[in-house]
Every structure is written in C-alpha cells, then in structure tokens.
C-alpha cells in the first residue's frame, strides 16, 4: 500500500459544503488497526441543522480528485446560534 492523502469535509444533501476541510495523510505502515486511527475536528457553518435530514462526510483522494466515500450522518445540535454576552 502506498501513502495516500485524503481531503474530508461535510456536505448537505444538495452537495453544499457545511464544514471546513481537513487533510488526512494515510502513510502509516503499522499493521495494528488501533495505531492507524485519526482524530480530526471540523468547524461547521453557523446554520440551522435539521436533525431529520442526512448530511455526509465526503472523503476525496487528493491526488485523483475521486470521491472515495460519502458517509451519512445526522446532526442534532441543540444550540446553533451565537450568543450576545
């Protein structure tokens, strides 16, 4: 397996980006699955999210631009607006 770079972001069902983009560099040669986990933080747009509508984590191969996966998520955020303190 050769090292890969993936671009990740979240989209709504219409394909509109709702988060920033993270880059994952998958170049670990360790065969232990537990040693190949990644943890990333995404910044989401300050909009109202419908907990009944699907949103998608999109994973794109940086080299080819091909979408490798679209993983369905449901976002249930209780507080979504900025506060004026």
C-alpha atoms as a PDB file:
ATOM      1  CA  UNK A   1       0.000   0.000   0.000  1.00  0.00           C
ATOM      2  CA  UNK A   2       1.310   3.409  -0.923  1.00  0.00           C
ATOM      3  CA  UNK A   3       0.728   6.504   1.210  1.00  0.00           C
ATOM      4  CA  UNK A   4      -2.403   8.498   0.346  1.00  0.00           C
ATOM      5  CA  UNK A   5      -3.714  11.945   1.140  1.00  0.00           C
ATOM      6  CA  UNK A   6      -7.434  12.424   1.631  1.00  0.00           C
ATOM      7  CA  UNK A   7      -9.478  15.616   1.832  1.00  0.00           C
ATOM      8  CA  UNK A   8     -12.505  15.421   4.142  1.00  0.00           C
ATOM      9  CA  UNK A   9     -15.456  17.745   4.589  1.00  0.00           C
ATOM     10  CA  UNK A  10     -19.177  17.622   5.361  1.00  0.00           C
ATOM     11  CA  UNK A  11     -21.965  18.397   2.877  1.00  0.00           C
ATOM     12  CA  UNK A  12     -25.728  18.680   2.992  1.00  0.00           C
ATOM     13  CA  UNK A  13     -27.932  16.514   0.776  1.00  0.00           C
ATOM     14  CA  UNK A  14     -27.680  19.075  -2.070  1.00  0.00           C
ATOM     15  CA  UNK A  15     -23.884  18.863  -2.046  1.00  0.00           C
ATOM     16  CA  UNK A  16     -23.318  22.242  -0.358  1.00  0.00           C
ATOM     17  CA  UNK A  17     -20.258  22.250   1.880  1.00  0.00           C
ATOM     18  CA  UNK A  18     -21.186  22.860   5.528  1.00  0.00           C
ATOM     19  CA  UNK A  19     -17.761  22.478   7.171  1.00  0.00           C
ATOM     20  CA  UNK A  20     -14.138  23.316   6.705  1.00  0.00           C
ATOM     21  CA  UNK A  21     -11.815  20.806   5.062  1.00  0.00           C
ATOM     22  CA  UNK A  22      -9.328  18.520   6.809  1.00  0.00           C
ATOM     23  CA  UNK A  23      -6.444  16.655   5.235  1.00  0.00           C
ATOM     24  CA  UNK A  24      -5.599  13.126   6.322  1.00  0.00           C
ATOM     25  CA  UNK A  25      -2.180  11.775   5.375  1.00  0.00           C
ATOM     26  CA  UNK A  26      -2.515   7.996   5.413  1.00  0.00           C
ATOM     27  CA  UNK A  27       1.092   6.907   5.376  1.00  0.00           C
ATOM     28  CA  UNK A  28       1.241   4.595   8.361  1.00  0.00           C
ATOM     29  CA  UNK A  29       2.765   1.215   7.699  1.00  0.00           C
ATOM     30  CA  UNK A  30       1.804  -0.196  11.080  1.00  0.00           C
ATOM     31  CA  UNK A  31      -0.436  -3.238  10.696  1.00  0.00           C
ATOM     32  CA  UNK A  32      -2.154  -2.684  14.040  1.00  0.00           C
ATOM     33  CA  UNK A  33      -5.550  -1.127  13.361  1.00  0.00           C
ATOM     34  CA  UNK A  34      -5.556   0.679  16.710  1.00  0.00           C
ATOM     35  CA  UNK A  35      -2.381   2.505  15.631  1.00  0.00           C
ATOM     36  CA  UNK A  36      -3.963   3.783  12.413  1.00  0.00           C
ATOM     37  CA  UNK A  37      -6.854   5.810  13.841  1.00  0.00           C
ATOM     38  CA  UNK A  38      -7.152   9.520  13.091  1.00  0.00           C
ATOM     39  CA  UNK A  39      -8.935  12.163  15.126  1.00  0.00           C
ATOM     40  CA  UNK A  40      -9.890  15.425  13.435  1.00  0.00           C
ATOM     41  CA  UNK A  41     -12.047  18.403  14.373  1.00  0.00           C
ATOM     42  CA  UNK A  42     -14.334  20.084  11.888  1.00  0.00           C
ATOM     43  CA  UNK A  43     -15.699  23.616  12.072  1.00  0.00           C
ATOM     44  CA  UNK A  44     -19.304  23.697  10.884  1.00  0.00           C
ATOM     45  CA  UNK A  45     -21.142  26.642   9.386  1.00  0.00           C
ATOM     46  CA  UNK A  46     -23.328  28.506  11.850  1.00  0.00           C
ATOM     47  CA  UNK A  47     -26.631  27.485  10.282  1.00  0.00           C
ATOM     48  CA  UNK A  48     -29.714  25.629  11.442  1.00  0.00           C
ATOM     49  CA  UNK A  49     -29.329  21.862  11.032  1.00  0.00           C
ATOM     50  CA  UNK A  50     -32.353  19.620  10.605  1.00  0.00           C
ATOM     51  CA  UNK A  51     -31.884  16.531  12.772  1.00  0.00           C
ATOM     52  CA  UNK A  52     -34.090  14.547  10.371  1.00  0.00           C
ATOM     53  CA  UNK A  53     -32.075  15.388   7.241  1.00  0.00           C
ATOM     54  CA  UNK A  54     -28.959  13.476   6.216  1.00  0.00           C
ATOM     55  CA  UNK A  55     -25.560  15.137   5.993  1.00  0.00           C
ATOM     56  CA  UNK A  56     -22.489  13.479   4.537  1.00  0.00           C
ATOM     57  CA  UNK A  57     -18.823  13.149   5.403  1.00  0.00           C
ATOM     58  CA  UNK A  58     -17.125  13.255   1.998  1.00  0.00           C
ATOM     59  CA  UNK A  59     -13.701  11.635   1.574  1.00  0.00           C
ATOM     60  CA  UNK A  60     -11.780  12.610  -1.573  1.00  0.00           C
ATOM     61  CA  UNK A  61      -8.472  11.232  -2.839  1.00  0.00           C
ATOM     62  CA  UNK A  62      -6.328  14.377  -3.092  1.00  0.00           C
ATOM     63  CA  UNK A  63      -4.245  13.036  -5.992  1.00  0.00           C
ATOM     64  CA  UNK A  64      -7.098  11.881  -8.241  1.00  0.00           C
ATOM     65  CA  UNK A  65      -9.976  14.066  -7.026  1.00  0.00           C
ATOM     66  CA  UNK A  66     -12.149  10.946  -6.867  1.00  0.00           C
ATOM     67  CA  UNK A  67     -14.696  10.662  -4.066  1.00  0.00           C
ATOM     68  CA  UNK A  68     -13.706   7.546  -2.125  1.00  0.00           C
ATOM     69  CA  UNK A  69     -16.657   7.593   0.291  1.00  0.00           C
ATOM     70  CA  UNK A  70     -19.746   9.534   1.359  1.00  0.00           C
ATOM     71  CA  UNK A  71     -20.774   8.561   4.868  1.00  0.00           C
ATOM     72  CA  UNK A  72     -24.254   9.532   6.053  1.00  0.00           C
ATOM     73  CA  UNK A  73     -24.619  11.406   9.354  1.00  0.00           C
ATOM     74  CA  UNK A  74     -27.481  13.054  11.195  1.00  0.00           C
ATOM     75  CA  UNK A  75     -26.622  16.251  13.057  1.00  0.00           C
ATOM     76  CA  UNK A  76     -28.607  17.057  16.191  1.00  0.00           C
ATOM     77  CA  UNK A  77     -27.330  20.338  17.626  1.00  0.00           C
ATOM     78  CA  UNK A  78     -29.383  21.890  20.408  1.00  0.00           C
ATOM     79  CA  UNK A  79     -27.727  25.325  20.312  1.00  0.00           C
ATOM     80  CA  UNK A  80     -26.673  26.615  16.900  1.00  0.00           C
ATOM     81  CA  UNK A  81     -26.667  30.420  17.182  1.00  0.00           C
ATOM     82  CA  UNK A  82     -24.040  32.792  18.507  1.00  0.00           C
ATOM     83  CA  UNK A  83     -24.662  34.287  21.907  1.00  0.00           C
ATOM     84  CA  UNK A  84     -24.528  38.000  22.666  1.00  0.00           C
ATOM     85  CA  UNK A  85     -22.985  38.222  26.129  1.00  0.00           C
END
